Amino acid sequence: MRPGALGGKVITQRRGFRKYNVSIEGRAVRAEHKKTEADAMTWFLGKSAEIIALSRPAKRLTVAVQDVRADHYSALMPHRLEVVVTMSFLYQNMADAADAALRKIFTPDVKKKGPRARIELLEERPPLRAKKANPVVARLAAIGEEWKLPFDTDSSAAPSAAGLVSGKIPVVCGLAPAGRNILTPLEAVKRGEVLPRALLLALYLDGGGNNS
């Protein structure tokens, strides 16, 4: 029951999602001493480009730095960082390869002095992969055609619990009306989507579409 897309579209494919927390610890140094010993922030900024470079948009893999929180003393450079890195993906093997590369980026070089990092996986949602033959989609499409209700399918980069459903069980996501500014204070539902979507769902639950 996550929001669908405009035009009566339900979601048959969603990317998976992983969320990491990276704790970085370094020494508290003055800005003028950065050339002799990198502070935690400068060290991380050098790594951030490597993190972003792991993305493969054409293959639906995105790795991004989502949040950075720094601790520092007055007049000193940050000595501690808490970094949130997120990964969205469609293919499990690509996610595993990016995971290994991400951990390698933060593996300390024992021969060099400098900050040390610890990476932890906080959340994981598997992807929902579209199937050619989905009986739920077939029934919804039959109801839409019979009652002249808008219906179509779409994919989404946002994860949902639908990816947790066993592969043997037919599933669709995004059965709720389409909206805008989802997951923000300005979130709203498109009025024109409410009645058609409610009727489609009611007819499906009542057994419609079986004989169409």
N, C-alpha and C. Protein backbone atom coordinates (compact mmCIF):
# COMPACT_ATOMS: atom_id res chain seq x y z
N MET A 1 0.81 -1.22 0.00
CA MET A 1 0.00 0.00 0.00
C MET A 1 0.85 1.27 0.00
N ARG A 2 2.08 1.18 -0.49
CA ARG A 2 2.86 2.40 -0.74
C ARG A 2 2.22 3.15 -1.91
N PRO A 3 2.43 4.45 -2.03
CA PRO A 3 1.84 5.19 -3.15
C PRO A 3 2.28 4.64 -4.50
N GLY A 4 1.31 4.57 -5.44
CA GLY A 4 1.64 4.15 -6.79
C GLY A 4 2.12 5.34 -7.61
N ALA A 5 2.10 5.18 -8.92
CA ALA A 5 2.49 6.27 -9.82
C ALA A 5 1.26 6.81 -10.54
N LEU A 6 1.38 8.01 -11.09
CA LEU A 6 0.25 8.63 -11.77
C LEU A 6 -0.25 7.77 -12.93
N GLY A 7 -1.54 7.86 -13.19
CA GLY A 7 -2.12 7.09 -14.28
C GLY A 7 -2.52 5.69 -13.87
N GLY A 8 -2.74 5.47 -12.57
CA GLY A 8 -3.17 4.15 -12.11
C GLY A 8 -2.08 3.11 -12.13
N LYS A 9 -0.83 3.51 -12.10
CA LYS A 9 0.27 2.56 -12.17
C LYS A 9 0.59 1.96 -10.81
N VAL A 10 0.76 0.63 -10.79
CA VAL A 10 1.27 -0.06 -9.61
C VAL A 10 2.75 -0.37 -9.85
N ILE A 11 3.45 -0.68 -8.78
CA ILE A 11 4.89 -0.91 -8.87
C ILE A 11 5.17 -2.41 -8.86
N THR A 12 5.80 -2.89 -9.91
CA THR A 12 6.13 -4.31 -9.99
C THR A 12 7.62 -4.57 -9.81
N GLN A 13 8.41 -3.50 -9.72
CA GLN A 13 9.85 -3.67 -9.51
C GLN A 13 10.39 -2.53 -8.67
N ARG A 14 11.14 -2.88 -7.63
CA ARG A 14 11.77 -1.89 -6.75
C ARG A 14 13.22 -2.29 -6.51
N ARG A 15 14.04 -1.29 -6.34
CA ARG A 15 15.44 -1.57 -6.02
C ARG A 15 15.58 -2.01 -4.56
N GLY A 16 16.64 -2.76 -4.31
CA GLY A 16 17.00 -3.08 -2.95
C GLY A 16 17.73 -1.89 -2.32
N PHE A 17 18.00 -2.00 -1.03
CA PHE A 17 18.57 -0.85 -0.31
C PHE A 17 19.47 -1.34 0.83
N ARG A 18 20.60 -0.71 0.97
CA ARG A 18 21.49 -0.95 2.10
C ARG A 18 21.91 0.40 2.69
N LYS A 19 21.99 0.43 4.01
CA LYS A 19 22.39 1.65 4.71
C LYS A 19 23.54 1.32 5.65
N TYR A 20 24.61 2.08 5.53
CA TYR A 20 25.82 1.84 6.33
C TYR A 20 26.10 3.04 7.24
N ASN A 21 26.69 2.75 8.38
CA ASN A 21 27.25 3.81 9.22
C ASN A 21 28.75 3.62 9.28
N VAL A 22 29.48 4.69 9.00
CA VAL A 22 30.94 4.65 9.03
C VAL A 22 31.41 5.58 10.14
N SER A 23 32.10 5.02 11.13
CA SER A 23 32.66 5.81 12.24
C SER A 23 34.14 6.05 11.94
N ILE A 24 34.53 7.31 11.90
CA ILE A 24 35.91 7.67 11.58
C ILE A 24 36.52 8.39 12.78
N GLU A 25 37.66 7.91 13.23
CA GLU A 25 38.34 8.49 14.38
C GLU A 25 39.73 8.96 13.96
N GLY A 26 40.06 10.19 14.33
CA GLY A 26 41.39 10.72 14.06
C GLY A 26 41.86 11.59 15.21
N ARG A 27 43.00 12.21 15.06
CA ARG A 27 43.51 13.10 16.10
C ARG A 27 42.95 14.50 15.91
N ALA A 28 42.83 15.21 17.00
CA ALA A 28 42.42 16.62 16.94
C ALA A 28 43.64 17.46 16.61
N VAL A 29 43.66 18.03 15.39
CA VAL A 29 44.82 18.81 14.95
C VAL A 29 44.36 20.21 14.53
N ARG A 30 45.29 21.12 14.56
CA ARG A 30 45.00 22.48 14.11
C ARG A 30 45.02 22.54 12.58
N ALA A 31 44.29 23.50 12.03
CA ALA A 31 44.20 23.60 10.57
C ALA A 31 45.57 23.78 9.93
N GLU A 32 46.48 24.49 10.60
CA GLU A 32 47.79 24.74 10.00
C GLU A 32 48.67 23.50 10.01
N HIS A 33 48.24 22.45 10.72
CA HIS A 33 49.04 21.22 10.78
C HIS A 33 48.52 20.15 9.84
N LYS A 34 47.55 20.46 8.99
CA LYS A 34 46.93 19.45 8.13
C LYS A 34 47.92 18.83 7.14
N LYS A 35 48.97 19.57 6.78
CA LYS A 35 49.89 19.04 5.78
C LYS A 35 50.73 17.90 6.34
N THR A 36 50.95 17.89 7.63
CA THR A 36 51.77 16.83 8.22
C THR A 36 50.94 15.65 8.68
N GLU A 37 49.66 15.90 9.02
CA GLU A 37 48.78 14.80 9.45
C GLU A 37 47.34 15.15 9.09
N ALA A 38 46.72 14.31 8.29
CA ALA A 38 45.35 14.58 7.84
C ALA A 38 44.37 14.46 8.99
N ASP A 39 43.45 15.44 9.08
CA ASP A 39 42.38 15.32 10.06
C ASP A 39 41.29 14.42 9.50
N ALA A 40 40.34 14.05 10.34
CA ALA A 40 39.30 13.09 9.94
C ALA A 40 38.47 13.60 8.77
N MET A 41 38.13 14.91 8.77
CA MET A 41 37.29 15.44 7.71
C MET A 41 38.02 15.46 6.36
N THR A 42 39.25 15.95 6.36
CA THR A 42 40.02 15.98 5.12
C THR A 42 40.24 14.58 4.58
N TRP A 43 40.53 13.66 5.47
CA TRP A 43 40.73 12.26 5.07
C TRP A 43 39.47 11.68 4.43
N PHE A 44 38.31 11.97 5.05
CA PHE A 44 37.06 11.44 4.50
C PHE A 44 36.72 12.07 3.16
N LEU A 45 36.94 13.38 3.01
CA LEU A 45 36.63 14.04 1.74
C LEU A 45 37.41 13.41 0.59
N GLY A 46 38.61 12.95 0.88
CA GLY A 46 39.38 12.26 -0.14
C GLY A 46 38.77 10.92 -0.51
N LYS A 47 38.08 10.29 0.45
CA LYS A 47 37.45 9.00 0.21
C LYS A 47 36.08 9.14 -0.45
N SER A 48 35.42 10.28 -0.28
CA SER A 48 34.05 10.43 -0.77
C SER A 48 33.94 10.28 -2.28
N ALA A 49 34.96 10.77 -3.00
CA ALA A 49 34.93 10.62 -4.45
C ALA A 49 35.00 9.15 -4.85
N GLU A 50 35.77 8.35 -4.10
CA GLU A 50 35.85 6.91 -4.37
C GLU A 50 34.52 6.23 -4.11
N ILE A 51 33.80 6.68 -3.08
CA ILE A 51 32.50 6.10 -2.76
C ILE A 51 31.51 6.35 -3.89
N ILE A 52 31.41 7.60 -4.32
CA ILE A 52 30.47 7.96 -5.38
C ILE A 52 30.81 7.23 -6.68
N ALA A 53 32.11 7.00 -6.92
CA ALA A 53 32.54 6.34 -8.15
C ALA A 53 32.10 4.88 -8.23
N LEU A 54 31.63 4.32 -7.12
CA LEU A 54 31.14 2.94 -7.14
C LEU A 54 29.79 2.82 -7.85
N SER A 55 29.10 3.93 -8.04
CA SER A 55 27.78 3.91 -8.68
C SER A 55 27.89 3.48 -10.14
N ARG A 56 26.88 2.75 -10.59
CA ARG A 56 26.75 2.34 -11.99
C ARG A 56 25.31 2.62 -12.41
N PRO A 57 24.98 3.88 -12.75
CA PRO A 57 23.59 4.26 -13.06
C PRO A 57 22.96 3.40 -14.15
N ALA A 58 23.72 3.05 -15.18
CA ALA A 58 23.17 2.26 -16.28
C ALA A 58 22.76 0.87 -15.81
N LYS A 59 23.38 0.39 -14.73
CA LYS A 59 23.05 -0.93 -14.20
C LYS A 59 22.24 -0.83 -12.90
N ARG A 60 21.70 0.36 -12.66
CA ARG A 60 20.80 0.61 -11.54
C ARG A 60 21.45 0.33 -10.18
N LEU A 61 22.66 0.81 -10.04
CA LEU A 61 23.38 0.76 -8.78
C LEU A 61 23.80 2.17 -8.42
N THR A 62 23.38 2.65 -7.25
CA THR A 62 23.73 3.99 -6.80
C THR A 62 24.28 3.92 -5.38
N VAL A 63 25.47 4.47 -5.20
CA VAL A 63 26.09 4.56 -3.88
C VAL A 63 26.27 6.04 -3.57
N ALA A 64 25.80 6.48 -2.39
CA ALA A 64 25.82 7.91 -2.09
C ALA A 64 26.14 8.15 -0.62
N VAL A 65 26.75 9.30 -0.36
CA VAL A 65 26.95 9.78 1.00
C VAL A 65 25.72 10.59 1.37
N GLN A 66 24.98 10.13 2.39
CA GLN A 66 23.71 10.77 2.72
C GLN A 66 23.81 11.74 3.89
N ASP A 67 24.73 11.50 4.80
CA ASP A 67 24.80 12.37 5.98
C ASP A 67 26.21 12.30 6.57
N VAL A 68 26.67 13.44 7.10
CA VAL A 68 27.97 13.52 7.76
C VAL A 68 27.82 14.35 9.02
N ARG A 69 28.19 13.78 10.15
CA ARG A 69 28.16 14.51 11.43
C ARG A 69 29.57 14.53 12.00
N ALA A 70 30.03 15.71 12.40
CA ALA A 70 31.41 15.86 12.86
C ALA A 70 31.47 16.36 14.29
N ASP A 71 32.46 15.88 15.02
CA ASP A 71 32.78 16.37 16.36
C ASP A 71 34.14 17.04 16.31
N HIS A 72 34.24 18.22 16.90
CA HIS A 72 35.54 18.90 16.93
C HIS A 72 35.58 19.84 18.12
N TYR A 73 36.79 20.17 18.52
CA TYR A 73 37.00 21.14 19.59
C TYR A 73 37.23 22.52 18.99
N SER A 74 37.05 23.53 19.79
CA SER A 74 37.21 24.90 19.32
C SER A 74 38.60 25.10 18.70
N ALA A 75 38.59 25.69 17.48
CA ALA A 75 39.83 26.03 16.76
C ALA A 75 40.58 24.82 16.24
N LEU A 76 40.01 23.62 16.39
CA LEU A 76 40.66 22.41 15.89
C LEU A 76 39.81 21.77 14.80
N MET A 77 40.44 21.01 13.94
CA MET A 77 39.74 20.30 12.88
C MET A 77 38.98 19.11 13.47
N PRO A 78 37.93 18.64 12.79
CA PRO A 78 37.15 17.50 13.32
C PRO A 78 38.02 16.28 13.57
N HIS A 79 37.79 15.64 14.71
CA HIS A 79 38.55 14.44 15.05
C HIS A 79 37.68 13.18 15.00
N ARG A 80 36.37 13.37 14.87
CA ARG A 80 35.46 12.22 14.81
C ARG A 80 34.33 12.51 13.82
N LEU A 81 34.03 11.55 12.95
CA LEU A 81 32.93 11.67 12.00
C LEU A 81 32.02 10.45 12.08
N GLU A 82 30.72 10.69 11.91
CA GLU A 82 29.75 9.62 11.73
C GLU A 82 29.13 9.84 10.35
N VAL A 83 29.37 8.93 9.44
CA VAL A 83 28.96 9.08 8.05
C VAL A 83 27.93 8.03 7.69
N VAL A 84 26.86 8.45 7.01
CA VAL A 84 25.84 7.51 6.53
C VAL A 84 26.02 7.36 5.02
N VAL A 85 26.22 6.13 4.59
CA VAL A 85 26.36 5.81 3.17
C VAL A 85 25.20 4.89 2.78
N THR A 86 24.54 5.19 1.68
CA THR A 86 23.42 4.36 1.22
C THR A 86 23.73 3.76 -0.15
N MET A 87 23.09 2.63 -0.39
CA MET A 87 23.26 1.93 -1.66
C MET A 87 21.89 1.44 -2.13
N SER A 88 21.51 1.78 -3.35
CA SER A 88 20.31 1.21 -3.95
C SER A 88 20.74 0.37 -5.14
N PHE A 89 20.08 -0.77 -5.33
CA PHE A 89 20.54 -1.71 -6.34
C PHE A 89 19.39 -2.59 -6.81
N LEU A 90 19.55 -3.13 -8.00
CA LEU A 90 18.57 -4.06 -8.54
C LEU A 90 19.11 -5.48 -8.56
N TYR A 91 20.43 -5.60 -8.69
CA TYR A 91 21.05 -6.92 -8.80
C TYR A 91 21.90 -7.22 -7.56
N GLN A 92 21.62 -8.33 -6.92
CA GLN A 92 22.27 -8.68 -5.66
C GLN A 92 23.78 -8.83 -5.84
N ASN A 93 24.23 -9.43 -6.94
CA ASN A 93 25.67 -9.64 -7.12
C ASN A 93 26.42 -8.31 -7.25
N MET A 94 25.79 -7.32 -7.88
CA MET A 94 26.43 -6.01 -7.99
C MET A 94 26.50 -5.32 -6.64
N ALA A 95 25.46 -5.50 -5.83
CA ALA A 95 25.46 -4.92 -4.49
C ALA A 95 26.56 -5.54 -3.63
N ASP A 96 26.75 -6.85 -3.75
CA ASP A 96 27.79 -7.52 -2.97
C ASP A 96 29.18 -7.05 -3.40
N ALA A 97 29.36 -6.85 -4.71
CA ALA A 97 30.66 -6.37 -5.20
C ALA A 97 30.92 -4.94 -4.72
N ALA A 98 29.88 -4.09 -4.75
CA ALA A 98 30.03 -2.71 -4.27
C ALA A 98 30.27 -2.68 -2.77
N ASP A 99 29.64 -3.61 -2.04
CA ASP A 99 29.86 -3.71 -0.60
C ASP A 99 31.33 -4.01 -0.30
N ALA A 100 31.91 -4.97 -1.03
CA ALA A 100 33.31 -5.33 -0.82
C ALA A 100 34.22 -4.15 -1.15
N ALA A 101 33.91 -3.43 -2.23
CA ALA A 101 34.72 -2.28 -2.63
C ALA A 101 34.60 -1.16 -1.60
N LEU A 102 33.41 -0.96 -1.06
CA LEU A 102 33.20 0.08 -0.04
C LEU A 102 34.01 -0.22 1.20
N ARG A 103 34.01 -1.46 1.63
CA ARG A 103 34.78 -1.83 2.82
C ARG A 103 36.28 -1.69 2.57
N LYS A 104 36.70 -1.95 1.34
CA LYS A 104 38.13 -1.81 1.01
C LYS A 104 38.55 -0.35 1.07
N ILE A 105 37.66 0.56 0.67
CA ILE A 105 37.97 1.99 0.72
C ILE A 105 38.32 2.42 2.14
N PHE A 106 37.61 1.84 3.10
CA PHE A 106 37.81 2.26 4.49
C PHE A 106 38.75 1.33 5.27
N THR A 107 39.39 0.39 4.59
CA THR A 107 40.38 -0.46 5.26
C THR A 107 41.65 0.35 5.48
N PRO A 108 42.11 0.49 6.71
CA PRO A 108 43.26 1.35 6.98
C PRO A 108 44.56 0.78 6.42
N ASP A 109 45.43 1.66 5.99
CA ASP A 109 46.78 1.28 5.58
C ASP A 109 47.65 1.29 6.84
N VAL A 110 48.06 0.11 7.27
CA VAL A 110 48.80 0.02 8.54
C VAL A 110 50.16 0.71 8.46
N LYS A 111 50.64 0.97 7.23
CA LYS A 111 51.94 1.61 7.08
C LYS A 111 51.85 3.13 7.21
N LYS A 112 50.64 3.67 7.21
CA LYS A 112 50.47 5.12 7.26
C LYS A 112 49.75 5.55 8.53
N LYS A 113 50.13 6.71 9.03
CA LYS A 113 49.42 7.29 10.14
C LYS A 113 48.18 8.01 9.61
N GLY A 114 47.21 8.15 10.47
CA GLY A 114 46.01 8.86 10.05
C GLY A 114 44.77 8.28 10.67
N PRO A 115 43.61 8.81 10.30
CA PRO A 115 42.34 8.34 10.87
C PRO A 115 42.09 6.87 10.57
N ARG A 116 41.27 6.26 11.40
CA ARG A 116 40.85 4.88 11.24
C ARG A 116 39.32 4.85 11.16
N ALA A 117 38.80 3.92 10.38
CA ALA A 117 37.35 3.86 10.14
C ALA A 117 36.81 2.47 10.48
N ARG A 118 35.55 2.47 10.89
CA ARG A 118 34.82 1.22 11.15
C ARG A 118 33.48 1.32 10.43
N ILE A 119 33.16 0.35 9.59
CA ILE A 119 31.93 0.37 8.81
C ILE A 119 30.97 -0.70 9.30
N GLU A 120 29.69 -0.33 9.38
CA GLU A 120 28.66 -1.23 9.90
C GLU A 120 27.41 -1.15 9.03
N LEU A 121 26.88 -2.30 8.64
CA LEU A 121 25.63 -2.35 7.88
C LEU A 121 24.46 -2.21 8.85
N LEU A 122 23.64 -1.16 8.66
CA LEU A 122 22.53 -0.88 9.57
C LEU A 122 21.20 -1.45 9.07
N GLU A 123 20.93 -1.31 7.77
CA GLU A 123 19.66 -1.74 7.20
C GLU A 123 19.89 -2.41 5.86
N GLU A 124 18.99 -3.33 5.53
CA GLU A 124 19.05 -3.96 4.22
C GLU A 124 17.66 -4.37 3.78
N ARG A 125 17.31 -4.02 2.57
CA ARG A 125 16.06 -4.44 1.93
C ARG A 125 16.40 -5.08 0.59
N PRO A 126 15.99 -6.31 0.34
CA PRO A 126 16.26 -6.92 -0.96
C PRO A 126 15.41 -6.28 -2.05
N PRO A 127 15.83 -6.40 -3.30
CA PRO A 127 15.04 -5.81 -4.40
C PRO A 127 13.80 -6.63 -4.70
N LEU A 128 12.80 -5.98 -5.28
CA LEU A 128 11.63 -6.64 -5.83
C LEU A 128 11.83 -6.67 -7.33
N ARG A 129 12.00 -7.85 -7.89
CA ARG A 129 12.25 -8.00 -9.32
C ARG A 129 10.94 -8.30 -10.05
N ALA A 130 10.73 -7.63 -11.15
CA ALA A 130 9.52 -7.83 -11.95
C ALA A 130 9.52 -9.23 -12.57
N LYS A 131 8.34 -9.86 -12.61
CA LYS A 131 8.18 -11.18 -13.22
C LYS A 131 7.28 -11.07 -14.44
N LYS A 132 7.60 -11.86 -15.45
CA LYS A 132 6.83 -11.80 -16.70
C LYS A 132 5.38 -12.22 -16.48
N ALA A 133 5.17 -13.26 -15.69
CA ALA A 133 3.80 -13.76 -15.45
C ALA A 133 3.46 -13.55 -13.98
N ASN A 134 2.66 -12.53 -13.69
CA ASN A 134 2.25 -12.23 -12.33
C ASN A 134 0.73 -12.25 -12.29
N PRO A 135 0.11 -13.25 -11.63
CA PRO A 135 -1.35 -13.35 -11.63
C PRO A 135 -2.05 -12.16 -10.98
N VAL A 136 -1.41 -11.51 -10.03
CA VAL A 136 -2.01 -10.33 -9.40
C VAL A 136 -2.12 -9.21 -10.43
N VAL A 137 -1.06 -8.99 -11.19
CA VAL A 137 -1.07 -7.96 -12.22
C VAL A 137 -2.11 -8.29 -13.29
N ALA A 138 -2.18 -9.57 -13.65
CA ALA A 138 -3.15 -9.99 -14.68
C ALA A 138 -4.58 -9.71 -14.23
N ARG A 139 -4.91 -9.99 -12.98
CA ARG A 139 -6.26 -9.74 -12.47
C ARG A 139 -6.55 -8.25 -12.40
N LEU A 140 -5.61 -7.47 -11.92
CA LEU A 140 -5.81 -6.03 -11.83
C LEU A 140 -6.00 -5.42 -13.22
N ALA A 141 -5.23 -5.91 -14.18
CA ALA A 141 -5.36 -5.41 -15.54
C ALA A 141 -6.72 -5.76 -16.13
N ALA A 142 -7.22 -6.97 -15.83
CA ALA A 142 -8.53 -7.39 -16.33
C ALA A 142 -9.64 -6.53 -15.73
N ILE A 143 -9.52 -6.22 -14.44
CA ILE A 143 -10.52 -5.37 -13.79
C ILE A 143 -10.48 -3.96 -14.39
N GLY A 144 -9.28 -3.44 -14.60
CA GLY A 144 -9.14 -2.12 -15.17
C GLY A 144 -9.75 -2.03 -16.56
N GLU A 145 -9.55 -3.07 -17.36
CA GLU A 145 -10.12 -3.08 -18.71
C GLU A 145 -11.63 -3.18 -18.68
N GLU A 146 -12.16 -4.04 -17.80
CA GLU A 146 -13.62 -4.24 -17.72
C GLU A 146 -14.34 -2.99 -17.23
N TRP A 147 -13.77 -2.31 -16.24
CA TRP A 147 -14.41 -1.16 -15.63
C TRP A 147 -13.88 0.17 -16.17
N LYS A 148 -13.01 0.10 -17.16
CA LYS A 148 -12.43 1.31 -17.77
C LYS A 148 -11.69 2.16 -16.73
N LEU A 149 -10.93 1.47 -15.90
CA LEU A 149 -10.13 2.15 -14.88
C LEU A 149 -8.68 2.23 -15.37
N PRO A 150 -8.01 3.33 -15.11
CA PRO A 150 -6.61 3.44 -15.53
C PRO A 150 -5.75 2.41 -14.79
N PHE A 151 -4.95 1.69 -15.54
CA PHE A 151 -4.06 0.70 -14.92
C PHE A 151 -2.83 0.50 -15.79
N ASP A 152 -1.68 0.43 -15.13
CA ASP A 152 -0.43 0.14 -15.81
C ASP A 152 0.59 -0.25 -14.73
N THR A 153 1.79 -0.61 -15.15
CA THR A 153 2.84 -0.98 -14.21
C THR A 153 4.03 -0.04 -14.37
N ASP A 154 4.85 0.02 -13.33
CA ASP A 154 6.00 0.90 -13.34
C ASP A 154 7.05 0.32 -12.40
N SER A 155 8.25 0.89 -12.43
CA SER A 155 9.31 0.50 -11.51
C SER A 155 9.69 1.71 -10.65
N SER A 156 10.37 1.46 -9.54
CA SER A 156 10.73 2.54 -8.63
C SER A 156 12.11 2.28 -8.04
N ALA A 157 12.85 3.36 -7.82
CA ALA A 157 14.16 3.24 -7.18
C ALA A 157 14.04 3.16 -5.67
N ALA A 158 12.86 3.48 -5.12
CA ALA A 158 12.66 3.45 -3.67
C ALA A 158 12.37 2.03 -3.20
N PRO A 159 12.96 1.60 -2.08
CA PRO A 159 12.72 0.25 -1.59
C PRO A 159 11.40 0.16 -0.83
N SER A 160 10.93 -1.06 -0.60
CA SER A 160 9.77 -1.28 0.25
C SER A 160 9.82 -2.70 0.79
N ALA A 161 8.88 -3.03 1.67
CA ALA A 161 8.83 -4.37 2.24
C ALA A 161 8.46 -5.43 1.21
N ALA A 162 8.00 -5.02 0.03
CA ALA A 162 7.61 -5.98 -1.00
C ALA A 162 8.78 -6.88 -1.38
N GLY A 163 10.00 -6.37 -1.28
CA GLY A 163 11.16 -7.17 -1.63
C GLY A 163 11.41 -8.33 -0.68
N LEU A 164 10.78 -8.29 0.49
CA LEU A 164 10.96 -9.35 1.49
C LEU A 164 10.05 -10.55 1.23
N VAL A 165 9.09 -10.40 0.32
CA VAL A 165 8.15 -11.49 0.05
C VAL A 165 8.86 -12.59 -0.72
N SER A 166 8.58 -13.83 -0.38
CA SER A 166 9.19 -14.96 -1.05
C SER A 166 8.96 -14.89 -2.56
N GLY A 167 9.95 -15.32 -3.33
CA GLY A 167 9.86 -15.27 -4.78
C GLY A 167 8.75 -16.14 -5.35
N LYS A 168 8.24 -17.09 -4.57
CA LYS A 168 7.18 -17.97 -5.05
C LYS A 168 5.80 -17.33 -4.91
N ILE A 169 5.72 -16.23 -4.19
CA ILE A 169 4.43 -15.58 -3.93
C ILE A 169 4.29 -14.36 -4.83
N PRO A 170 3.22 -14.28 -5.64
CA PRO A 170 3.04 -13.10 -6.50
C PRO A 170 2.78 -11.86 -5.66
N VAL A 171 3.40 -10.77 -6.02
CA VAL A 171 3.28 -9.55 -5.21
C VAL A 171 3.39 -8.32 -6.11
N VAL A 172 2.63 -7.29 -5.77
CA VAL A 172 2.80 -5.98 -6.37
C VAL A 172 2.88 -4.96 -5.24
N CYS A 173 3.43 -3.80 -5.53
CA CYS A 173 3.54 -2.73 -4.55
C CYS A 173 2.92 -1.48 -5.16
N GLY A 174 2.77 -0.44 -4.36
CA GLY A 174 2.23 0.80 -4.88
C GLY A 174 0.76 0.73 -5.23
N LEU A 175 -0.02 0.03 -4.41
CA LEU A 175 -1.46 -0.07 -4.66
C LEU A 175 -2.24 1.14 -4.14
N ALA A 176 -1.59 1.97 -3.35
CA ALA A 176 -2.26 3.16 -2.84
C ALA A 176 -2.26 4.26 -3.91
N PRO A 177 -3.11 5.28 -3.75
CA PRO A 177 -3.14 6.37 -4.73
C PRO A 177 -1.80 7.08 -4.85
N ALA A 178 -1.53 7.60 -6.02
CA ALA A 178 -0.29 8.34 -6.24
C ALA A 178 -0.29 9.63 -5.42
N GLY A 179 0.88 10.09 -5.07
CA GLY A 179 1.00 11.32 -4.30
C GLY A 179 2.17 12.15 -4.80
N ARG A 180 2.51 13.15 -4.03
CA ARG A 180 3.66 13.98 -4.35
C ARG A 180 4.39 14.34 -3.07
N ASN A 181 5.66 14.67 -3.21
CA ASN A 181 6.51 15.02 -2.05
C ASN A 181 6.44 13.93 -0.97
N ILE A 182 6.51 12.66 -1.42
CA ILE A 182 6.40 11.54 -0.50
C ILE A 182 7.52 11.58 0.55
N LEU A 183 7.17 11.27 1.79
CA LEU A 183 8.10 11.23 2.93
C LEU A 183 8.71 12.59 3.24
N THR A 184 7.95 13.66 2.96
CA THR A 184 8.35 15.01 3.35
C THR A 184 7.16 15.65 4.08
N PRO A 185 7.39 16.78 4.75
CA PRO A 185 6.27 17.46 5.42
C PRO A 185 5.17 17.91 4.46
N LEU A 186 5.47 18.00 3.16
CA LEU A 186 4.50 18.45 2.16
C LEU A 186 3.84 17.28 1.44
N GLU A 187 3.94 16.08 1.98
CA GLU A 187 3.37 14.91 1.33
C GLU A 187 1.86 15.08 1.15
N ALA A 188 1.37 14.69 -0.03
CA ALA A 188 -0.05 14.83 -0.33
C ALA A 188 -0.47 13.76 -1.32
N VAL A 189 -1.77 13.45 -1.32
CA VAL A 189 -2.34 12.47 -2.24
C VAL A 189 -3.01 13.22 -3.40
N LYS A 190 -2.85 12.69 -4.61
CA LYS A 190 -3.54 13.25 -5.77
C LYS A 190 -5.02 12.85 -5.70
N ARG A 191 -5.92 13.84 -5.59
CA ARG A 191 -7.34 13.53 -5.41
C ARG A 191 -7.91 12.65 -6.51
N GLY A 192 -7.52 12.95 -7.76
CA GLY A 192 -8.05 12.21 -8.88
C GLY A 192 -7.67 10.74 -8.91
N GLU A 193 -6.69 10.36 -8.07
CA GLU A 193 -6.24 8.97 -8.02
C GLU A 193 -6.99 8.16 -6.97
N VAL A 194 -7.68 8.82 -6.05
CA VAL A 194 -8.24 8.12 -4.89
C VAL A 194 -9.39 7.18 -5.28
N LEU A 195 -10.42 7.70 -5.96
CA LEU A 195 -11.58 6.87 -6.27
C LEU A 195 -11.27 5.73 -7.24
N PRO A 196 -10.57 5.97 -8.36
CA PRO A 196 -10.25 4.85 -9.24
C PRO A 196 -9.43 3.77 -8.55
N ARG A 197 -8.48 4.18 -7.71
CA ARG A 197 -7.63 3.19 -7.03
C ARG A 197 -8.43 2.43 -5.97
N ALA A 198 -9.32 3.14 -5.26
CA ALA A 198 -10.15 2.48 -4.26
C ALA A 198 -11.09 1.46 -4.91
N LEU A 199 -11.67 1.82 -6.06
CA LEU A 199 -12.57 0.91 -6.76
C LEU A 199 -11.79 -0.31 -7.29
N LEU A 200 -10.63 -0.08 -7.85
CA LEU A 200 -9.80 -1.18 -8.36
C LEU A 200 -9.48 -2.17 -7.25
N LEU A 201 -9.07 -1.65 -6.10
CA LEU A 201 -8.71 -2.52 -4.98
C LEU A 201 -9.92 -3.25 -4.43
N ALA A 202 -11.07 -2.55 -4.32
CA ALA A 202 -12.28 -3.18 -3.82
C ALA A 202 -12.75 -4.33 -4.72
N LEU A 203 -12.70 -4.10 -6.02
CA LEU A 203 -13.10 -5.13 -6.97
C LEU A 203 -12.14 -6.32 -6.93
N TYR A 204 -10.88 -6.05 -6.74
CA TYR A 204 -9.90 -7.13 -6.63
C TYR A 204 -10.18 -7.98 -5.38
N LEU A 205 -10.41 -7.32 -4.25
CA LEU A 205 -10.69 -8.05 -3.00
C LEU A 205 -12.01 -8.80 -3.05
N ASP A 206 -12.92 -8.31 -3.90
CA ASP A 206 -14.24 -8.95 -4.03
C ASP A 206 -14.21 -10.10 -5.04
N GLY A 207 -13.04 -10.34 -5.62
CA GLY A 207 -12.94 -11.48 -6.55
C GLY A 207 -13.04 -11.10 -8.00
N GLY A 208 -13.08 -9.82 -8.32
CA GLY A 208 -13.19 -9.40 -9.71
C GLY A 208 -11.97 -9.77 -10.53
N GLY A 209 -12.18 -9.88 -11.82
CA GLY A 209 -11.06 -10.17 -12.71
C GLY A 209 -10.77 -11.63 -12.93
N ASN A 210 -11.42 -12.51 -12.16
CA ASN A 210 -11.12 -13.94 -12.29
C ASN A 210 -11.62 -14.52 -13.61
N ASN A 211 -12.75 -14.03 -14.10
CA ASN A 211 -13.36 -14.62 -15.31
C ASN A 211 -13.21 -13.72 -16.53
N SER A 212 -12.47 -12.65 -16.41
CA SER A 212 -12.34 -11.72 -17.53
C SER A 212 -11.36 -12.28 -18.56
